[in-house]
């Protein structure tokens, strides 16, 4: 059973920064893609950003230039650095990991990010 463990999150003022971490019960490089979704109250879970094993990254327009995915090889952890946070970024953030063969998708437990003054 693969487990993804998220870290980080919390309350921050508008314009502030937070970093989310995502580790796994096996090497993060055993997955083809990892990334994050988020779900605001009353809304569906939406895709935010991803990183492939060749380090190719993808971001949706609303977070491009503000959010950055990075990797700490020594800690075997992916990170989502979130800068210039806005109140509309408030949501539960979910890390995910995906394999292509077989096609499997795993979720982290979710972590709350709240942006408020």
N, C-alpha and C. Protein backbone atom coordinates (compact mmCIF):
# COMPACT_ATOMS: atom_id res chain seq x y z
N UNK A 1 0.85 -1.17 0.00
CA UNK A 1 0.00 0.00 0.00
C UNK A 1 0.90 1.24 0.00
N UNK A 2 0.79 2.02 -1.06
CA UNK A 2 1.59 3.23 -1.17
C UNK A 2 0.94 4.33 -0.34
N UNK A 3 1.75 5.03 0.43
CA UNK A 3 1.25 6.17 1.20
C UNK A 3 2.03 7.42 0.83
N UNK A 4 1.32 8.50 0.66
CA UNK A 4 1.94 9.80 0.47
C UNK A 4 1.72 10.60 1.75
N UNK A 5 2.78 11.19 2.24
CA UNK A 5 2.69 11.95 3.49
C UNK A 5 3.01 13.41 3.19
N UNK A 6 2.05 14.26 3.50
CA UNK A 6 2.21 15.68 3.24
C UNK A 6 2.66 16.42 4.49
N UNK A 7 3.36 17.50 4.28
CA UNK A 7 3.79 18.36 5.38
C UNK A 7 3.63 19.81 4.95
N UNK A 8 3.66 20.68 5.93
CA UNK A 8 3.53 22.10 5.65
C UNK A 8 2.08 22.54 5.76
N UNK A 9 1.77 23.65 5.17
CA UNK A 9 0.43 24.22 5.27
C UNK A 9 0.32 25.10 6.50
N UNK A 10 -0.85 25.70 6.65
CA UNK A 10 -1.10 26.57 7.79
C UNK A 10 -1.75 27.86 7.39
N UNK A 11 -1.64 28.85 8.26
CA UNK A 11 -2.25 30.15 8.04
C UNK A 11 -1.18 31.17 7.70
N UNK A 12 -1.42 31.96 6.67
CA UNK A 12 -0.46 32.97 6.26
C UNK A 12 -1.22 34.21 5.79
N UNK A 13 -0.60 35.35 5.91
CA UNK A 13 -1.22 36.59 5.45
C UNK A 13 -1.08 36.72 3.94
N UNK A 14 -1.97 37.48 3.32
CA UNK A 14 -1.83 37.72 1.87
C UNK A 14 -0.45 38.28 1.54
N UNK A 15 0.11 37.76 0.47
CA UNK A 15 1.46 38.14 0.08
C UNK A 15 2.54 37.28 0.68
N UNK A 16 2.16 36.42 1.62
CA UNK A 16 3.13 35.56 2.28
C UNK A 16 3.44 34.31 1.50
N UNK A 17 4.26 33.45 2.13
CA UNK A 17 4.71 32.23 1.48
C UNK A 17 4.52 31.03 2.40
N UNK A 18 4.34 29.88 1.78
CA UNK A 18 4.30 28.60 2.48
C UNK A 18 4.96 27.56 1.59
N UNK A 19 5.46 26.51 2.22
CA UNK A 19 6.01 25.40 1.46
C UNK A 19 5.36 24.11 1.92
N UNK A 20 4.85 23.36 0.94
CA UNK A 20 4.27 22.04 1.20
C UNK A 20 5.26 20.97 0.78
N UNK A 21 5.33 19.91 1.55
CA UNK A 21 6.19 18.79 1.22
C UNK A 21 5.37 17.54 0.95
N UNK A 22 5.90 16.65 0.14
CA UNK A 22 5.24 15.39 -0.16
C UNK A 22 6.29 14.29 -0.24
N UNK A 23 6.23 13.37 0.71
CA UNK A 23 7.10 12.21 0.72
C UNK A 23 6.23 10.96 0.52
N UNK A 24 6.89 9.84 0.24
CA UNK A 24 6.14 8.62 -0.04
C UNK A 24 6.74 7.43 0.71
N UNK A 25 5.95 6.36 0.76
CA UNK A 25 6.41 5.13 1.43
C UNK A 25 7.39 4.35 0.56
N UNK A 26 7.64 4.84 -0.65
CA UNK A 26 8.71 4.31 -1.50
C UNK A 26 9.34 5.48 -2.22
N UNK A 27 10.39 5.27 -2.95
CA UNK A 27 11.10 6.38 -3.60
C UNK A 27 10.16 7.20 -4.47
N UNK A 28 10.28 8.52 -4.35
CA UNK A 28 9.45 9.39 -5.19
C UNK A 28 9.78 9.18 -6.67
N UNK A 29 10.96 8.67 -6.97
CA UNK A 29 11.36 8.46 -8.37
C UNK A 29 10.78 7.17 -8.94
N UNK A 30 10.06 6.42 -8.11
CA UNK A 30 9.35 5.24 -8.61
C UNK A 30 8.02 5.64 -9.27
N UNK A 31 7.63 6.91 -9.12
CA UNK A 31 6.42 7.41 -9.76
C UNK A 31 6.81 8.17 -11.03
N UNK A 32 5.95 8.15 -12.02
CA UNK A 32 6.25 8.87 -13.27
C UNK A 32 5.99 10.36 -13.12
N UNK A 33 4.97 10.69 -12.36
CA UNK A 33 4.58 12.09 -12.16
C UNK A 33 4.14 12.29 -10.72
N UNK A 34 4.46 13.44 -10.17
CA UNK A 34 3.92 13.87 -8.88
C UNK A 34 3.47 15.31 -9.00
N UNK A 35 2.59 15.71 -8.10
CA UNK A 35 2.13 17.09 -8.16
C UNK A 35 1.11 17.38 -7.09
N UNK A 36 0.37 18.45 -7.33
CA UNK A 36 -0.62 18.89 -6.35
C UNK A 36 -1.94 19.29 -7.01
N UNK A 37 -3.00 19.01 -6.29
CA UNK A 37 -4.33 19.53 -6.55
C UNK A 37 -4.73 20.37 -5.32
N UNK A 38 -5.80 21.11 -5.46
CA UNK A 38 -6.38 21.75 -4.29
C UNK A 38 -7.91 21.77 -4.41
N UNK A 39 -8.53 21.86 -3.24
CA UNK A 39 -9.99 21.87 -3.19
C UNK A 39 -10.44 22.92 -2.20
N UNK A 40 -11.12 23.94 -2.72
CA UNK A 40 -11.68 24.99 -1.88
C UNK A 40 -13.07 24.55 -1.42
N UNK A 41 -13.54 25.09 -0.32
CA UNK A 41 -14.86 24.70 0.19
C UNK A 41 -15.95 24.88 -0.86
N UNK A 42 -16.74 23.84 -1.04
CA UNK A 42 -17.84 23.89 -1.99
C UNK A 42 -17.44 23.72 -3.44
N UNK A 43 -16.14 23.52 -3.68
CA UNK A 43 -15.65 23.37 -5.06
C UNK A 43 -15.07 21.99 -5.30
N UNK A 44 -14.88 21.68 -6.56
CA UNK A 44 -14.24 20.41 -6.92
C UNK A 44 -12.73 20.51 -6.72
N UNK A 45 -12.12 19.35 -6.62
CA UNK A 45 -10.67 19.30 -6.56
C UNK A 45 -10.11 19.65 -7.93
N UNK A 46 -9.16 20.59 -7.97
CA UNK A 46 -8.62 21.02 -9.26
C UNK A 46 -7.10 20.85 -9.29
N UNK A 47 -6.62 20.54 -10.46
CA UNK A 47 -5.18 20.34 -10.68
C UNK A 47 -4.46 21.67 -10.60
N UNK A 48 -3.25 21.65 -9.99
CA UNK A 48 -2.44 22.86 -9.88
C UNK A 48 -1.13 22.77 -10.64
N UNK A 49 -0.37 21.72 -10.34
CA UNK A 49 0.99 21.67 -10.86
C UNK A 49 1.50 20.24 -10.81
N UNK A 50 2.48 19.94 -11.68
CA UNK A 50 3.07 18.60 -11.69
C UNK A 50 4.53 18.67 -12.06
N UNK A 51 5.23 17.57 -11.71
CA UNK A 51 6.62 17.40 -12.11
C UNK A 51 6.80 15.95 -12.53
N UNK A 52 7.43 15.76 -13.67
CA UNK A 52 7.73 14.42 -14.15
C UNK A 52 9.14 14.03 -13.72
N UNK A 53 9.47 12.75 -13.92
CA UNK A 53 10.79 12.29 -13.49
C UNK A 53 11.94 12.90 -14.27
N UNK A 54 11.64 13.43 -15.47
CA UNK A 54 12.69 14.15 -16.22
C UNK A 54 12.76 15.61 -15.81
N UNK A 55 12.04 15.95 -14.70
CA UNK A 55 12.01 17.29 -14.11
C UNK A 55 11.18 18.30 -14.90
N UNK A 56 10.46 17.83 -15.89
CA UNK A 56 9.54 18.71 -16.60
C UNK A 56 8.41 19.10 -15.66
N UNK A 57 8.15 20.39 -15.59
CA UNK A 57 7.08 20.87 -14.72
C UNK A 57 5.97 21.51 -15.53
N UNK A 58 4.80 21.53 -14.91
CA UNK A 58 3.65 22.15 -15.55
C UNK A 58 2.84 22.84 -14.46
N UNK A 59 2.36 24.04 -14.74
CA UNK A 59 1.56 24.80 -13.79
C UNK A 59 0.34 25.38 -14.50
N UNK A 60 -0.76 25.44 -13.76
CA UNK A 60 -1.91 26.13 -14.34
C UNK A 60 -1.63 27.64 -14.30
N UNK A 61 -2.32 28.37 -15.13
CA UNK A 61 -2.03 29.80 -15.28
C UNK A 61 -2.16 30.59 -13.98
N UNK A 62 -3.13 30.22 -13.16
CA UNK A 62 -3.40 31.02 -11.96
C UNK A 62 -2.29 30.93 -10.91
N UNK A 63 -1.41 29.93 -11.02
CA UNK A 63 -0.31 29.81 -10.06
C UNK A 63 1.05 29.96 -10.71
N UNK A 64 1.09 30.02 -12.02
CA UNK A 64 2.37 30.15 -12.73
C UNK A 64 3.07 31.43 -12.30
N UNK A 65 4.35 31.29 -11.97
CA UNK A 65 5.12 32.43 -11.51
C UNK A 65 5.04 32.66 -10.01
N UNK A 66 4.08 32.01 -9.35
CA UNK A 66 3.96 32.15 -7.90
C UNK A 66 4.30 30.83 -7.18
N UNK A 67 3.96 29.70 -7.80
CA UNK A 67 4.20 28.39 -7.20
C UNK A 67 5.32 27.70 -7.96
N UNK A 68 6.14 26.97 -7.21
CA UNK A 68 7.26 26.26 -7.83
C UNK A 68 7.42 24.89 -7.18
N UNK A 69 7.51 23.86 -8.01
CA UNK A 69 7.79 22.51 -7.51
C UNK A 69 9.29 22.29 -7.54
N UNK A 70 9.80 21.72 -6.46
CA UNK A 70 11.22 21.37 -6.40
C UNK A 70 11.36 19.99 -5.77
N UNK A 71 12.60 19.50 -5.81
CA UNK A 71 12.88 18.16 -5.29
C UNK A 71 14.12 18.20 -4.41
N UNK A 72 14.03 17.55 -3.27
CA UNK A 72 15.21 17.33 -2.42
C UNK A 72 15.55 15.86 -2.53
N UNK A 73 16.57 15.55 -3.31
CA UNK A 73 16.92 14.14 -3.54
C UNK A 73 17.33 13.44 -2.24
N UNK A 74 18.05 14.15 -1.39
CA UNK A 74 18.52 13.54 -0.15
C UNK A 74 17.36 13.17 0.76
N UNK A 75 16.33 14.00 0.76
CA UNK A 75 15.17 13.74 1.61
C UNK A 75 14.08 12.97 0.87
N UNK A 76 14.32 12.73 -0.43
CA UNK A 76 13.35 11.98 -1.24
C UNK A 76 11.97 12.60 -1.11
N UNK A 77 11.92 13.90 -1.28
CA UNK A 77 10.68 14.65 -1.06
C UNK A 77 10.51 15.68 -2.17
N UNK A 78 9.28 15.84 -2.59
CA UNK A 78 8.92 16.92 -3.51
C UNK A 78 8.33 18.06 -2.68
N UNK A 79 8.55 19.28 -3.15
CA UNK A 79 8.03 20.44 -2.45
C UNK A 79 7.25 21.34 -3.40
N UNK A 80 6.24 22.00 -2.86
CA UNK A 80 5.52 23.03 -3.58
C UNK A 80 5.74 24.34 -2.82
N UNK A 81 6.57 25.20 -3.38
CA UNK A 81 6.82 26.50 -2.80
C UNK A 81 5.75 27.46 -3.32
N UNK A 82 5.04 28.08 -2.39
CA UNK A 82 3.95 28.96 -2.76
C UNK A 82 4.26 30.37 -2.27
N UNK A 83 4.43 31.28 -3.20
CA UNK A 83 4.75 32.67 -2.88
C UNK A 83 3.61 33.58 -3.32
N UNK A 84 3.65 34.81 -2.83
CA UNK A 84 2.62 35.81 -3.19
C UNK A 84 1.22 35.24 -3.03
N UNK A 85 0.98 34.60 -1.90
CA UNK A 85 -0.30 33.95 -1.69
C UNK A 85 -1.44 34.94 -1.60
N UNK A 86 -2.59 34.51 -2.11
CA UNK A 86 -3.79 35.33 -2.15
C UNK A 86 -4.91 34.64 -1.37
N UNK A 87 -5.88 35.38 -0.89
CA UNK A 87 -7.00 34.73 -0.18
C UNK A 87 -7.66 33.64 -0.99
N UNK A 88 -7.71 33.80 -2.30
CA UNK A 88 -8.33 32.77 -3.16
C UNK A 88 -7.50 31.50 -3.27
N UNK A 89 -6.30 31.51 -2.71
CA UNK A 89 -5.50 30.29 -2.66
C UNK A 89 -5.90 29.40 -1.47
N UNK A 90 -6.78 29.90 -0.64
CA UNK A 90 -7.24 29.13 0.52
C UNK A 90 -7.95 27.86 0.07
N UNK A 91 -7.47 26.71 0.54
CA UNK A 91 -8.01 25.42 0.13
C UNK A 91 -7.29 24.31 0.89
N UNK A 92 -7.79 23.10 0.73
CA UNK A 92 -7.04 21.92 1.14
C UNK A 92 -6.20 21.49 -0.06
N UNK A 93 -4.91 21.32 0.18
CA UNK A 93 -3.98 20.96 -0.89
C UNK A 93 -3.64 19.47 -0.79
N UNK A 94 -3.73 18.78 -1.92
CA UNK A 94 -3.48 17.35 -1.97
C UNK A 94 -2.30 17.05 -2.88
N UNK A 95 -1.35 16.35 -2.33
CA UNK A 95 -0.26 15.82 -3.14
C UNK A 95 -0.76 14.57 -3.87
N UNK A 96 -0.26 14.32 -5.07
CA UNK A 96 -0.60 13.08 -5.76
C UNK A 96 0.64 12.52 -6.42
N UNK A 97 0.56 11.22 -6.70
CA UNK A 97 1.62 10.53 -7.43
C UNK A 97 0.97 9.58 -8.42
N UNK A 98 1.60 9.43 -9.56
CA UNK A 98 0.99 8.64 -10.64
C UNK A 98 2.04 7.77 -11.31
N UNK A 99 1.64 6.55 -11.64
CA UNK A 99 2.45 5.70 -12.49
C UNK A 99 1.70 5.47 -13.79
N UNK A 100 2.44 5.28 -14.86
CA UNK A 100 1.81 5.09 -16.17
C UNK A 100 1.58 3.62 -16.50
N UNK A 101 2.51 2.75 -16.08
CA UNK A 101 2.39 1.33 -16.36
C UNK A 101 2.62 0.54 -15.09
N UNK A 102 1.61 0.03 -14.40
CA UNK A 102 0.20 0.23 -14.70
C UNK A 102 -0.24 1.65 -14.33
N UNK A 103 -1.40 2.03 -14.82
CA UNK A 103 -1.89 3.38 -14.57
C UNK A 103 -2.54 3.42 -13.19
N UNK A 104 -1.79 4.02 -12.24
CA UNK A 104 -2.26 4.10 -10.86
C UNK A 104 -2.09 5.53 -10.36
N UNK A 105 -2.96 5.90 -9.45
CA UNK A 105 -2.97 7.27 -8.92
C UNK A 105 -3.11 7.20 -7.41
N UNK A 106 -2.24 7.91 -6.72
CA UNK A 106 -2.25 7.91 -5.25
C UNK A 106 -2.43 9.34 -4.75
N UNK A 107 -3.08 9.46 -3.57
CA UNK A 107 -3.33 10.76 -2.97
C UNK A 107 -2.70 10.87 -1.59
N UNK A 108 -2.26 12.06 -1.26
CA UNK A 108 -1.88 12.36 0.10
C UNK A 108 -3.12 12.66 0.93
N UNK A 109 -2.91 12.89 2.20
CA UNK A 109 -4.03 13.07 3.12
C UNK A 109 -4.63 14.47 3.05
N UNK A 110 -3.94 15.39 2.41
CA UNK A 110 -4.43 16.75 2.31
C UNK A 110 -3.92 17.61 3.46
N UNK A 111 -3.65 18.87 3.15
CA UNK A 111 -3.21 19.80 4.18
C UNK A 111 -3.87 21.15 3.93
N UNK A 112 -4.31 21.80 5.00
CA UNK A 112 -5.05 23.05 4.87
C UNK A 112 -4.09 24.22 4.69
N UNK A 113 -4.40 25.04 3.71
CA UNK A 113 -3.70 26.31 3.51
C UNK A 113 -4.75 27.41 3.60
N UNK A 114 -4.54 28.34 4.51
CA UNK A 114 -5.46 29.45 4.69
C UNK A 114 -4.70 30.76 4.53
N UNK A 115 -5.22 31.62 3.66
CA UNK A 115 -4.60 32.91 3.40
C UNK A 115 -5.58 33.99 3.84
N UNK A 116 -5.22 34.68 4.91
CA UNK A 116 -6.13 35.67 5.48
C UNK A 116 -5.37 36.66 6.33
N UNK A 117 -5.87 37.89 6.36
CA UNK A 117 -5.27 38.91 7.22
C UNK A 117 -5.97 38.94 8.57
